Amino acid sequence: MAVKDVLKQGNVLSFGQKIVWLALFLGFAGFISKGIIQLNWEGTGI
């Protein structure tokens, strides 16, 4: 994984690593949520 390698080589603090992974996870979760909401709206005809 590129992100994991960069964080280890850059000697990023553990708190910073958690923030990076949280940001990536929230971006992924938002993308999936948007897809589900869009499918739901298109299914109901909104």
PDB file of N, CA and C in Angstrom:
ATOM      1  N   MET A   1       0.832  -1.193   0.000  1.00  0.00           N
ATOM      2  CA  MET A   1       0.000   0.000   0.000  1.00  0.00           C
ATOM      3  C   MET A   1       0.868   1.245   0.000  1.00  0.00           C
ATOM      4  N   ALA A   2       0.596   2.138  -0.881  1.00  0.00           N
ATOM      5  CA  ALA A   2       1.412   3.342  -1.013  1.00  0.00           C
ATOM      6  C   ALA A   2       1.251   4.266   0.190  1.00  0.00           C
ATOM      7  N   VAL A   3       0.031   4.436   0.671  1.00  0.00           N
ATOM      8  CA  VAL A   3      -0.201   5.360   1.788  1.00  0.00           C
ATOM      9  C   VAL A   3       0.533   4.870   3.028  1.00  0.00           C
ATOM     10  N   LYS A   4       0.446   3.592   3.282  1.00  0.00           N
ATOM     11  CA  LYS A   4       1.104   3.014   4.452  1.00  0.00           C
ATOM     12  C   LYS A   4       2.624   3.205   4.372  1.00  0.00           C
ATOM     13  N   ASP A   5       3.183   2.985   3.180  1.00  0.00           N
ATOM     14  CA  ASP A   5       4.628   3.156   2.994  1.00  0.00           C
ATOM     15  C   ASP A   5       5.052   4.604   3.208  1.00  0.00           C
ATOM     16  N   VAL A   6       4.292   5.535   2.667  1.00  0.00           N
ATOM     17  CA  VAL A   6       4.632   6.956   2.809  1.00  0.00           C
ATOM     18  C   VAL A   6       4.571   7.375   4.273  1.00  0.00           C
ATOM     19  N   LEU A   7       3.558   6.919   4.986  1.00  0.00           N
ATOM     20  CA  LEU A   7       3.432   7.281   6.397  1.00  0.00           C
ATOM     21  C   LEU A   7       4.590   6.723   7.216  1.00  0.00           C
ATOM     22  N   LYS A   8       5.026   5.498   6.894  1.00  0.00           N
ATOM     23  CA  LYS A   8       6.133   4.907   7.645  1.00  0.00           C
ATOM     24  C   LYS A   8       7.462   5.574   7.303  1.00  0.00           C
ATOM     25  N   GLN A   9       7.699   5.852   6.031  1.00  0.00           N
ATOM     26  CA  GLN A   9       8.970   6.454   5.627  1.00  0.00           C
ATOM     27  C   GLN A   9       9.068   7.907   6.073  1.00  0.00           C
ATOM     28  N   GLY A  10       7.934   8.586   6.191  1.00  0.00           N
ATOM     29  CA  GLY A  10       7.938   9.984   6.601  1.00  0.00           C
ATOM     30  C   GLY A  10       7.976  10.176   8.099  1.00  0.00           C
ATOM     31  N   ASN A  11       8.038   9.088   8.855  1.00  0.00           N
ATOM     32  CA  ASN A  11       8.055   9.151  10.317  1.00  0.00           C
ATOM     33  C   ASN A  11       6.905  10.004  10.858  1.00  0.00           C
ATOM     34  N   VAL A  12       5.708   9.741  10.359  1.00  0.00           N
ATOM     35  CA  VAL A  12       4.526  10.483  10.788  1.00  0.00           C
ATOM     36  C   VAL A  12       4.084   9.958  12.147  1.00  0.00           C
ATOM     37  N   LEU A  13       3.682  10.869  13.012  1.00  0.00           N
ATOM     38  CA  LEU A  13       3.221  10.469  14.339  1.00  0.00           C
ATOM     39  C   LEU A  13       1.988   9.591  14.232  1.00  0.00           C
ATOM     40  N   SER A  14       1.754   8.797  15.245  1.00  0.00           N
ATOM     41  CA  SER A  14       0.607   7.892  15.256  1.00  0.00           C
ATOM     42  C   SER A  14      -0.708   8.657  15.140  1.00  0.00           C
ATOM     43  N   PHE A  15      -0.793   9.827  15.790  1.00  0.00           N
ATOM     44  CA  PHE A  15      -2.008  10.652  15.690  1.00  0.00           C
ATOM     45  C   PHE A  15      -2.235  11.093  14.243  1.00  0.00           C
ATOM     46  N   GLY A  16      -1.180  11.501  13.574  1.00  0.00           N
ATOM     47  CA  GLY A  16      -1.274  11.921  12.178  1.00  0.00           C
ATOM     48  C   GLY A  16      -1.688  10.783  11.268  1.00  0.00           C
ATOM     49  N   GLN A  17      -1.170   9.591  11.539  1.00  0.00           N
ATOM     50  CA  GLN A  17      -1.542   8.421  10.745  1.00  0.00           C
ATOM     51  C   GLN A  17      -3.031   8.130  10.889  1.00  0.00           C
ATOM     52  N   LYS A  18      -3.538   8.248  12.109  1.00  0.00           N
ATOM     53  CA  LYS A  18      -4.965   7.999  12.334  1.00  0.00           C
ATOM     54  C   LYS A  18      -5.824   9.023  11.604  1.00  0.00           C
ATOM     55  N   ILE A  19      -5.380  10.272  11.576  1.00  0.00           N
ATOM     56  CA  ILE A  19      -6.118  11.325  10.869  1.00  0.00           C
ATOM     57  C   ILE A  19      -6.151  11.028   9.368  1.00  0.00           C
ATOM     58  N   VAL A  20      -5.018  10.600   8.816  1.00  0.00           N
ATOM     59  CA  VAL A  20      -4.960  10.278   7.382  1.00  0.00           C
ATOM     60  C   VAL A  20      -5.900   9.132   7.058  1.00  0.00           C
ATOM     61  N   TRP A  21      -5.865   8.065   7.842  1.00  0.00           N
ATOM     62  CA  TRP A  21      -6.735   6.916   7.578  1.00  0.00           C
ATOM     63  C   TRP A  21      -8.201   7.286   7.773  1.00  0.00           C
ATOM     64  N   LEU A  22      -8.495   8.135   8.743  1.00  0.00           N
ATOM     65  CA  LEU A  22      -9.873   8.588   8.957  1.00  0.00           C
ATOM     66  C   LEU A  22     -10.366   9.387   7.753  1.00  0.00           C
ATOM     67  N   ALA A  23      -9.530  10.262   7.230  1.00  0.00           N
ATOM     68  CA  ALA A  23      -9.916  11.060   6.063  1.00  0.00           C
ATOM     69  C   ALA A  23     -10.168  10.166   4.853  1.00  0.00           C
ATOM     70  N   LEU A  24      -9.312   9.180   4.652  1.00  0.00           N
ATOM     71  CA  LEU A  24      -9.512   8.258   3.530  1.00  0.00           C
ATOM     72  C   LEU A  24     -10.788   7.444   3.708  1.00  0.00           C
ATOM     73  N   PHE A  25     -11.044   6.973   4.925  1.00  0.00           N
ATOM     74  CA  PHE A  25     -12.245   6.186   5.184  1.00  0.00           C
ATOM     75  C   PHE A  25     -13.503   7.020   4.991  1.00  0.00           C
ATOM     76  N   LEU A  26     -13.489   8.265   5.476  1.00  0.00           N
ATOM     77  CA  LEU A  26     -14.668   9.122   5.331  1.00  0.00           C
ATOM     78  C   LEU A  26     -14.940   9.445   3.865  1.00  0.00           C
ATOM     79  N   GLY A  27     -13.897   9.620   3.087  1.00  0.00           N
ATOM     80  CA  GLY A  27     -14.072   9.844   1.656  1.00  0.00           C
ATOM     81  C   GLY A  27     -14.704   8.642   0.987  1.00  0.00           C
ATOM     82  N   PHE A  28     -14.236   7.459   1.343  1.00  0.00           N
ATOM     83  CA  PHE A  28     -14.794   6.224   0.800  1.00  0.00           C
ATOM     84  C   PHE A  28     -16.242   6.044   1.236  1.00  0.00           C
ATOM     85  N   ALA A  29     -16.520   6.272   2.514  1.00  0.00           N
ATOM     86  CA  ALA A  29     -17.882   6.116   3.033  1.00  0.00           C
ATOM     87  C   ALA A  29     -18.831   7.115   2.379  1.00  0.00           C
ATOM     88  N   GLY A  30     -18.372   8.332   2.156  1.00  0.00           N
ATOM     89  CA  GLY A  30     -19.197   9.337   1.491  1.00  0.00           C
ATOM     90  C   GLY A  30     -19.515   8.947   0.063  1.00  0.00           C
ATOM     91  N   PHE A  31     -18.539   8.397  -0.632  1.00  0.00           N
ATOM     92  CA  PHE A  31     -18.742   7.965  -2.011  1.00  0.00           C
ATOM     93  C   PHE A  31     -19.779   6.842  -2.077  1.00  0.00           C
ATOM     94  N   ILE A  32     -19.666   5.870  -1.176  1.00  0.00           N
ATOM     95  CA  ILE A  32     -20.620   4.758  -1.146  1.00  0.00           C
ATOM     96  C   ILE A  32     -22.006   5.264  -0.754  1.00  0.00           C
ATOM     97  N   SER A  33     -22.091   6.142   0.235  1.00  0.00           N
ATOM     98  CA  SER A  33     -23.383   6.699   0.663  1.00  0.00           C
ATOM     99  C   SER A  33     -24.050   7.457  -0.471  1.00  0.00           C
ATOM    100  N   LYS A  34     -23.275   8.236  -1.209  1.00  0.00           N
ATOM    101  CA  LYS A  34     -23.823   8.985  -2.343  1.00  0.00           C
ATOM    102  C   LYS A  34     -24.423   8.030  -3.364  1.00  0.00           C
ATOM    103  N   GLY A  35     -23.744   6.946  -3.649  1.00  0.00           N
ATOM    104  CA  GLY A  35     -24.249   5.958  -4.600  1.00  0.00           C
ATOM    105  C   GLY A  35     -25.544   5.330  -4.135  1.00  0.00           C
ATOM    106  N   ILE A  36     -25.625   4.990  -2.852  1.00  0.00           N
ATOM    107  CA  ILE A  36     -26.840   4.377  -2.306  1.00  0.00           C
ATOM    108  C   ILE A  36     -27.994   5.361  -2.338  1.00  0.00           C
ATOM    109  N   ILE A  37     -27.743   6.609  -1.950  1.00  0.00           N
ATOM    110  CA  ILE A  37     -28.793   7.632  -1.969  1.00  0.00           C
ATOM    111  C   ILE A  37     -29.272   7.875  -3.394  1.00  0.00           C
ATOM    112  N   GLN A  38     -28.341   7.946  -4.329  1.00  0.00           N
ATOM    113  CA  GLN A  38     -28.712   8.184  -5.724  1.00  0.00           C
ATOM    114  C   GLN A  38     -29.559   7.035  -6.265  1.00  0.00           C
ATOM    115  N   LEU A  39     -29.178   5.806  -5.973  1.00  0.00           N
ATOM    116  CA  LEU A  39     -29.976   4.661  -6.419  1.00  0.00           C
ATOM    117  C   LEU A  39     -31.361   4.680  -5.792  1.00  0.00           C
ATOM    118  N   ASN A  40     -31.436   5.053  -4.527  1.00  0.00           N
ATOM    119  CA  ASN A  40     -32.713   5.117  -3.825  1.00  0.00           C
ATOM    120  C   ASN A  40     -33.613   6.177  -4.454  1.00  0.00           C
ATOM    121  N   TRP A  41     -33.074   7.354  -4.728  1.00  0.00           N
ATOM    122  CA  TRP A  41     -33.861   8.438  -5.320  1.00  0.00           C
ATOM    123  C   TRP A  41     -34.316   8.082  -6.725  1.00  0.00           C
ATOM    124  N   GLU A  42     -33.437   7.463  -7.513  1.00  0.00           N
ATOM    125  CA  GLU A  42     -33.821   7.089  -8.870  1.00  0.00           C
ATOM    126  C   GLU A  42     -34.872   5.985  -8.851  1.00  0.00           C
ATOM    127  N   GLY A  43     -34.809   5.123  -7.855  1.00  0.00           N
ATOM    128  CA  GLY A  43     -35.788   4.048  -7.740  1.00  0.00           C
ATOM    129  C   GLY A  43     -37.166   4.554  -7.368  1.00  0.00           C
ATOM    130  N   THR A  44     -37.230   5.634  -6.589  1.00  0.00           N
ATOM    131  CA  THR A  44     -38.526   6.173  -6.171  1.00  0.00           C
ATOM    132  C   THR A  44     -39.040   7.231  -7.136  1.00  0.00           C
ATOM    133  N   GLY A  45     -38.236   7.620  -8.107  1.00  0.00           N
ATOM    134  CA  GLY A  45     -38.678   8.571  -9.115  1.00  0.00           C
ATOM    135  C   GLY A  45     -38.503  10.019  -8.742  1.00  0.00           C
ATOM    136  N   ILE A  46     -37.667  10.293  -7.756  1.00  0.00           N
ATOM    137  CA  ILE A  46     -37.442  11.695  -7.360  1.00  0.00           C
ATOM    138  C   ILE A  46     -36.479  12.328  -8.339  1.00  0.00           C
TER     139      ILE A  46
END
